[in-house]
C-alpha atoms as a PDB file:
ATOM      1  CA  MET A   1       0.936 -17.254  12.526  1.00  0.00           C
ATOM      2  CA  PRO A   2       1.585 -18.208   8.629  1.00  0.00           C
ATOM      3  CA  SER A   3       4.112 -20.481   7.229  1.00  0.00           C
ATOM      4  CA  ASP A   4       6.854 -18.190   5.346  1.00  0.00           C
ATOM      5  CA  GLU A   5       7.703 -21.570   3.246  1.00  0.00           C
ATOM      6  CA  VAL A   6       7.209 -20.500  -0.040  1.00  0.00           C
ATOM      7  CA  ARG A   7       4.561 -21.987  -2.547  1.00  0.00           C
ATOM      8  CA  ASP A   8       3.393 -21.775  -5.911  1.00  0.00           C
ATOM      9  CA  ARG A   9      -0.679 -20.658  -5.058  1.00  0.00           C
ATOM     10  CA  SER A  10      -3.313 -21.085  -7.592  1.00  0.00           C
ATOM     11  CA  GLY A  11      -5.491 -18.536  -7.968  1.00  0.00           C
ATOM     12  CA  GLU A  12      -8.120 -20.518  -6.023  1.00  0.00           C
ATOM     13  CA  GLU A  13      -5.578 -21.044  -3.295  1.00  0.00           C
ATOM     14  CA  ARG A  14      -4.339 -17.339  -3.633  1.00  0.00           C
ATOM     15  CA  ASN A  15      -8.158 -16.692  -2.428  1.00  0.00           C
ATOM     16  CA  THR A  16      -8.143 -19.130   0.492  1.00  0.00           C
ATOM     17  CA  LEU A  17      -5.114 -17.426   1.904  1.00  0.00           C
ATOM     18  CA  ARG A  18      -6.404 -13.981   1.344  1.00  0.00           C
ATOM     19  CA  ARG A  19     -10.046 -14.760   2.681  1.00  0.00           C
ATOM     20  CA  ARG A  20      -7.755 -16.344   6.109  1.00  0.00           C
ATOM     21  CA  LEU A  21      -5.482 -13.156   6.491  1.00  0.00           C
ATOM     22  CA  LEU A  22      -7.977 -11.003   6.314  1.00  0.00           C
ATOM     23  CA  ALA A  23      -9.536 -12.494   9.087  1.00  0.00           C
ATOM     24  CA  LEU A  24      -5.999 -12.898  10.639  1.00  0.00           C
ATOM     25  CA  ARG A  25      -5.799  -8.827  10.322  1.00  0.00           C
ATOM     26  CA  ALA A  26      -9.420  -8.296  11.552  1.00  0.00           C
ATOM     27  CA  ALA A  27      -8.356 -10.087  14.250  1.00  0.00           C
ATOM     28  CA  LEU A  28      -5.221  -9.032  15.548  1.00  0.00           C
ATOM     29  CA  PRO A  29      -4.150  -8.391  19.397  1.00  0.00           C
ATOM     30  CA  ALA A  30      -2.795  -5.301  20.689  1.00  0.00           C
ATOM     31  CA  ARG A  31      -3.838  -3.364  17.392  1.00  0.00           C
ATOM     32  CA  ALA A  32      -3.010   0.104  18.544  1.00  0.00           C
ATOM     33  CA  GLY A  33       0.525  -0.986  19.532  1.00  0.00           C
ATOM     34  CA  ALA A  34       0.828  -2.557  15.886  1.00  0.00           C
ATOM     35  CA  ASP A  35      -0.240   0.497  14.272  1.00  0.00           C
ATOM     36  CA  ALA A  36       2.134   3.028  16.529  1.00  0.00           C
ATOM     37  CA  ALA A  37       5.208   0.467  15.668  1.00  0.00           C
ATOM     38  CA  VAL A  38       4.482   0.985  11.848  1.00  0.00           C
ATOM     39  CA  GLU A  39       3.662   4.791  12.001  1.00  0.00           C
ATOM     40  CA  ALA A  40       7.032   5.101  13.632  1.00  0.00           C
ATOM     41  CA  ALA A  41       8.594   2.891  11.215  1.00  0.00           C
ATOM     42  CA  LEU A  42       6.923   4.336   8.253  1.00  0.00           C
ATOM     43  CA  ALA A  43       7.758   7.768   9.587  1.00  0.00           C
ATOM     44  CA  ALA A  44      11.125   6.696   9.653  1.00  0.00           C
ATOM     45  CA  LEU A  45      11.467   5.197   6.427  1.00  0.00           C
ATOM     46  CA  LEU A  46       9.994   8.552   4.545  1.00  0.00           C
ATOM     47  CA  GLU A  47      12.258  10.753   6.410  1.00  0.00           C
ATOM     48  CA  ARG A  48      15.431   9.017   4.504  1.00  0.00           C
ATOM     49  CA  GLN A  49      13.886   9.013   0.936  1.00  0.00           C
ATOM     50  CA  ALA A  50      13.900  11.973  -1.163  1.00  0.00           C
ATOM     51  CA  VAL A  51      10.478  11.768  -2.026  1.00  0.00           C
ATOM     52  CA  ARG A  52       8.222  15.054  -2.671  1.00  0.00           C
ATOM     53  CA  ARG A  53       4.709  13.411  -3.705  1.00  0.00           C
ATOM     54  CA  LEU A  54       3.721  10.038  -1.480  1.00  0.00           C
ATOM     55  CA  GLY A  55       0.827   8.098  -3.282  1.00  0.00           C
ATOM     56  CA  PHE A  56      -1.086   6.627  -0.336  1.00  0.00           C
ATOM     57  CA  TYR A  57      -4.443   4.861  -0.163  1.00  0.00           C
ATOM     58  CA  TRP A  58      -7.603   5.478   1.948  1.00  0.00           C
ATOM     59  CA  PRO A  59      -7.769   2.462   4.801  1.00  0.00           C
ATOM     60  CA  ILE A  60     -10.268  -0.332   4.175  1.00  0.00           C
ATOM     61  CA  GLN A  61     -10.631  -3.641   5.609  1.00  0.00           C
ATOM     62  CA  HIS A  62      -8.766  -3.500   8.598  1.00  0.00           C
ATOM     63  CA  GLU A  63      -5.784  -1.887   7.173  1.00  0.00           C
ATOM     64  CA  PHE A  64      -3.196   0.409   8.966  1.00  0.00           C
ATOM     65  CA  ASP A  65      -4.522   3.988   8.627  1.00  0.00           C
ATOM     66  CA  ALA A  66      -1.521   6.012   7.273  1.00  0.00           C
ATOM     67  CA  ARG A  67      -3.501   9.125   6.907  1.00  0.00           C
ATOM     68  CA  PRO A  68      -2.007  10.484  10.544  1.00  0.00           C
ATOM     69  CA  ALA A  69       1.793   9.417   9.109  1.00  0.00           C
ATOM     70  CA  VAL A  70       0.777  11.235   5.806  1.00  0.00           C
ATOM     71  CA  MET A  71      -0.305  14.143   7.617  1.00  0.00           C
ATOM     72  CA  ARG A  72       2.784  14.824   9.770  1.00  0.00           C
ATOM     73  CA  TRP A  73       4.884  13.974   6.668  1.00  0.00           C
ATOM     74  CA  LEU A  74       3.453  16.936   4.671  1.00  0.00           C
ATOM     75  CA  ALA A  75       3.827  18.987   7.616  1.00  0.00           C
ATOM     76  CA  ALA A  76       7.359  18.922   8.060  1.00  0.00           C
ATOM     77  CA  ALA A  77       8.683  20.269   4.588  1.00  0.00           C
ATOM     78  CA  PRO A  78       7.268  22.891   2.303  1.00  0.00           C
ATOM     79  CA  GLY A  79       6.168  21.695  -0.959  1.00  0.00           C
ATOM     80  CA  ARG A  80       5.294  17.985  -0.273  1.00  0.00           C
ATOM     81  CA  GLN A  81       2.301  16.626  -1.935  1.00  0.00           C
ATOM     82  CA  ALA A  82       0.182  13.534  -0.904  1.00  0.00           C
ATOM     83  CA  ALA A  83      -2.437  11.739  -3.165  1.00  0.00           C
ATOM     84  CA  LEU A  84      -4.439   8.915  -3.043  1.00  0.00           C
ATOM     85  CA  PRO A  85      -5.775   6.530  -5.999  1.00  0.00           C
ATOM     86  CA  VAL A  86      -8.396   6.766  -8.053  1.00  0.00           C
ATOM     87  CA  VAL A  87      -9.859   3.492  -9.891  1.00  0.00           C
ATOM     88  CA  SER A  88     -10.758   5.102 -13.681  1.00  0.00           C
ATOM     89  CA  ARG A  89     -11.922   1.353 -14.732  1.00  0.00           C
ATOM     90  CA  PRO A  90     -11.368  -2.557 -14.424  1.00  0.00           C
ATOM     91  CA  GLY A  91      -8.200  -3.288 -15.348  1.00  0.00           C
ATOM     92  CA  ALA A  92      -6.484  -0.131 -15.304  1.00  0.00           C
ATOM     93  CA  PRO A  93      -3.532   1.627 -13.366  1.00  0.00           C
ATOM     94  CA  LEU A  94      -4.534   3.889 -10.797  1.00  0.00           C
ATOM     95  CA  ASP A  95      -4.499   7.178 -10.830  1.00  0.00           C
ATOM     96  CA  PHE A  96      -3.475   9.264  -8.085  1.00  0.00           C
ATOM     97  CA  HIS A  97      -5.235  12.736  -7.432  1.00  0.00           C
ATOM     98  CA  LEU A  98      -3.695  15.108  -4.419  1.00  0.00           C
ATOM     99  CA  TRP A  99      -5.417  14.886  -1.002  1.00  0.00           C
ATOM    100  CA  GLU A 100      -4.587  16.968   1.705  1.00  0.00           C
ATOM    101  CA  PRO A 101      -6.299  17.231   4.908  1.00  0.00           C
ATOM    102  CA  GLY A 102      -9.854  18.645   4.524  1.00  0.00           C
ATOM    103  CA  THR A 103      -9.760  18.066   0.451  1.00  0.00           C
ATOM    104  CA  ALA A 104     -13.350  17.125  -0.516  1.00  0.00           C
ATOM    105  CA  MET A 105     -14.190  13.524  -0.949  1.00  0.00           C
ATOM    106  CA  ALA A 106     -16.274  11.642  -2.995  1.00  0.00           C
ATOM    107  CA  THR A 107     -17.194   7.526  -3.452  1.00  0.00           C
ATOM    108  CA  GLY A 108     -15.045   6.276  -5.960  1.00  0.00           C
ATOM    109  CA  ARG A 109     -15.202   2.520  -7.301  1.00  0.00           C
ATOM    110  CA  TYR A 110     -15.601  -0.333  -4.762  1.00  0.00           C
ATOM    111  CA  GLY A 111     -17.305   2.427  -2.339  1.00  0.00           C
ATOM    112  CA  ILE A 112     -13.692   3.735  -1.464  1.00  0.00           C
ATOM    113  CA  PRO A 113     -13.797   7.790  -0.646  1.00  0.00           C
ATOM    114  CA  VAL A 114     -11.489   9.692  -3.445  1.00  0.00           C
ATOM    115  CA  PRO A 115     -10.537  13.292  -3.837  1.00  0.00           C
ATOM    116  CA  ASP A 116     -13.375  15.384  -5.561  1.00  0.00           C
ATOM    117  CA  GLY A 117     -12.136  17.594  -8.171  1.00  0.00           C
ATOM    118  CA  THR A 118      -8.652  17.564  -7.597  1.00  0.00           C
ATOM    119  CA  PRO A 119      -6.031  17.298 -10.098  1.00  0.00           C
ATOM    120  CA  ALA A 120      -3.973  14.049 -11.318  1.00  0.00           C
ATOM    121  CA  VAL A 121      -0.234  13.720 -10.141  1.00  0.00           C
ATOM    122  CA  LEU A 122       2.443  11.271 -10.723  1.00  0.00           C
ATOM    123  CA  PRO A 123       3.911  10.160  -7.111  1.00  0.00           C
ATOM    124  CA  ASP A 124       7.671   9.436  -6.715  1.00  0.00           C
ATOM    125  CA  ALA A 125       6.725   6.891  -3.787  1.00  0.00           C
ATOM    126  CA  LEU A 126       3.483   5.034  -3.233  1.00  0.00           C
ATOM    127  CA  LEU A 127       2.589   3.381   0.395  1.00  0.00           C
ATOM    128  CA  ILE A 128       0.686  -0.278  -0.755  1.00  0.00           C
ATOM    129  CA  PRO A 129      -1.562  -2.097   1.783  1.00  0.00           C
ATOM    130  CA  CYS A 130      -0.808  -5.637   2.028  1.00  0.00           C
ATOM    131  CA  VAL A 131      -3.226  -8.708   2.440  1.00  0.00           C
ATOM    132  CA  GLY A 132       0.225 -10.938   2.980  1.00  0.00           C
ATOM    133  CA  PHE A 133       3.680 -10.051   2.599  1.00  0.00           C
ATOM    134  CA  SER A 134       6.451 -12.551   1.474  1.00  0.00           C
ATOM    135  CA  SER A 135      10.287 -12.161   2.970  1.00  0.00           C
ATOM    136  CA  ASP A 136      10.993 -11.117  -0.194  1.00  0.00           C
ATOM    137  CA  LYS A 137       9.214  -8.011  -0.333  1.00  0.00           C
ATOM    138  CA  PHE A 138       6.446  -9.657  -2.934  1.00  0.00           C
ATOM    139  CA  ARG A 139       3.051  -9.036  -1.759  1.00  0.00           C
ATOM    140  CA  LEU A 140      -0.756 -10.085  -2.043  1.00  0.00           C
ATOM    141  CA  GLY A 141      -2.984  -7.969  -2.337  1.00  0.00           C
ATOM    142  CA  TYR A 142      -7.129  -8.176  -3.172  1.00  0.00           C
ATOM    143  CA  GLY A 143      -6.680  -9.788  -6.286  1.00  0.00           C
ATOM    144  CA  GLY A 144      -7.292  -6.899  -8.763  1.00  0.00           C
ATOM    145  CA  GLY A 145      -3.893  -6.391  -9.575  1.00  0.00           C
ATOM    146  CA  PHE A 146      -4.238  -2.700  -9.529  1.00  0.00           C
ATOM    147  CA  TYR A 147      -0.967  -1.687  -7.816  1.00  0.00           C
ATOM    148  CA  ASP A 148       1.178  -3.981 -10.070  1.00  0.00           C
ATOM    149  CA  ARG A 149      -0.338  -2.687 -13.385  1.00  0.00           C
ATOM    150  CA  THR A 150       0.654   0.991 -11.728  1.00  0.00           C
ATOM    151  CA  LEU A 151       3.879  -0.016 -11.476  1.00  0.00           C
ATOM    152  CA  ALA A 152       4.516  -0.930 -14.132  1.00  0.00           C
ATOM    153  CA  ALA A 153       2.486   1.835 -16.188  1.00  0.00           C
ATOM    154  CA  LEU A 154       4.778   4.430 -14.135  1.00  0.00           C
ATOM    155  CA  ALA A 155       8.105   2.940 -14.669  1.00  0.00           C
ATOM    156  CA  ALA A 156       7.131   2.933 -18.536  1.00  0.00           C
ATOM    157  CA  ALA A 157       6.015   6.586 -18.375  1.00  0.00           C
ATOM    158  CA  GLU A 158       8.861   7.772 -16.137  1.00  0.00           C
ATOM    159  CA  GLY A 159      11.450   5.388 -16.837  1.00  0.00           C
ATOM    160  CA  THR A 160      11.658   4.631 -13.291  1.00  0.00           C
ATOM    161  CA  PRO A 161       8.914   3.267 -10.899  1.00  0.00           C
ATOM    162  CA  PRO A 162       8.372   5.357  -7.613  1.00  0.00           C
ATOM    163  CA  VAL A 163       9.854   3.642  -4.757  1.00  0.00           C
ATOM    164  CA  ALA A 164       6.956   0.738  -3.909  1.00  0.00           C
ATOM    165  CA  ILE A 165       6.501   0.472   0.119  1.00  0.00           C
ATOM    166  CA  GLY A 166       4.091  -2.108   1.301  1.00  0.00           C
ATOM    167  CA  ILE A 167       2.735  -1.782   4.535  1.00  0.00           C
ATOM    168  CA  GLY A 168       1.820  -4.920   6.657  1.00  0.00           C
ATOM    169  CA  PHE A 169       1.440  -6.582  10.044  1.00  0.00           C
ATOM    170  CA  GLU A 170       3.771  -9.544  10.605  1.00  0.00           C
ATOM    171  CA  ALA A 171       0.733 -11.999  11.324  1.00  0.00           C
ATOM    172  CA  CYS A 172       0.143 -11.622   7.491  1.00  0.00           C
ATOM    173  CA  ARG A 173       3.783 -12.548   6.503  1.00  0.00           C
ATOM    174  CA  THR A 174       3.703 -15.846   4.403  1.00  0.00           C
ATOM    175  CA  GLY A 175       5.407 -17.416   1.652  1.00  0.00           C
ATOM    176  CA  LEU A 176       4.476 -16.289  -1.822  1.00  0.00           C
ATOM    177  CA  LEU A 177       6.035 -17.348  -5.433  1.00  0.00           C
ATOM    178  CA  PRO A 178       5.509 -14.196  -7.516  1.00  0.00           C
ATOM    179  CA  GLN A 179       3.421 -14.808 -10.242  1.00  0.00           C
ATOM    180  CA  GLU A 180       4.719 -13.457 -13.404  1.00  0.00           C
ATOM    181  CA  HIS A 181       3.036 -10.158 -13.040  1.00  0.00           C
ATOM    182  CA  ASP A 182       3.888  -9.448  -9.447  1.00  0.00           C
ATOM    183  CA  VAL A 183       5.722  -6.525  -9.158  1.00  0.00           C
ATOM    184  CA  GLY A 184       8.303  -6.436  -5.591  1.00  0.00           C
ATOM    185  CA  MET A 185       8.112  -3.682  -3.202  1.00  0.00           C
ATOM    186  CA  ASP A 186      11.408  -2.086  -2.277  1.00  0.00           C
ATOM    187  CA  TRP A 187      10.501  -2.224   0.991  1.00  0.00           C
ATOM    188  CA  VAL A 188       8.290  -3.664   3.313  1.00  0.00           C
ATOM    189  CA  VAL A 189       7.125  -1.644   6.588  1.00  0.00           C
ATOM    190  CA  SER A 190       5.145  -3.495   9.757  1.00  0.00           C
ATOM    191  CA  GLU A 191       5.298  -3.505  13.531  1.00  0.00           C
ATOM    192  CA  ALA A 192       8.760  -5.333  13.606  1.00  0.00           C
ATOM    193  CA  GLY A 193       9.913  -2.447  11.789  1.00  0.00           C
ATOM    194  CA  VAL A 194      11.282  -1.653   7.945  1.00  0.00           C
ATOM    195  CA  PHE A 195      12.817  -4.377   5.974  1.00  0.00           C
END
């Protein structure tokens, strides 16, 4: 299990850590049970939040698949909306486009499915996948900086950032000294619960 000791990591050290954590996530034992625990904790957290528009992610590389939880969240109250990220160009914040079950999908940048032709919206909460995360709620992503830029841009546009909810697995909890551009999560959800 990764150490929770905080370390300052160079870019190459972060890339090595990222590869190790991705391998750990791909080989998680009892994955179905971990997924069920994440889903239950996430559902409870979302019900405590005053969220109307929820941005989430299409799962890749053995990430937790939030789609079933999002579908139940949508069905639980009228007027709720969900949206998926779209990469308009490298180095830019993500755009979020409306999604619901049955939305036509297209292949976006990096081969990730994106809603095909739905309008853009500004989420008031984001589910953000974590390759790794620290006890003080900083995340390690894939290295593109998309979510950090997105949170900063939405905070500037709206005055307050959306609620940032990191989603990860306990095997990938690790020590991270945040870099200057890193934006901390408001919440992190794992199979151990919400913190």
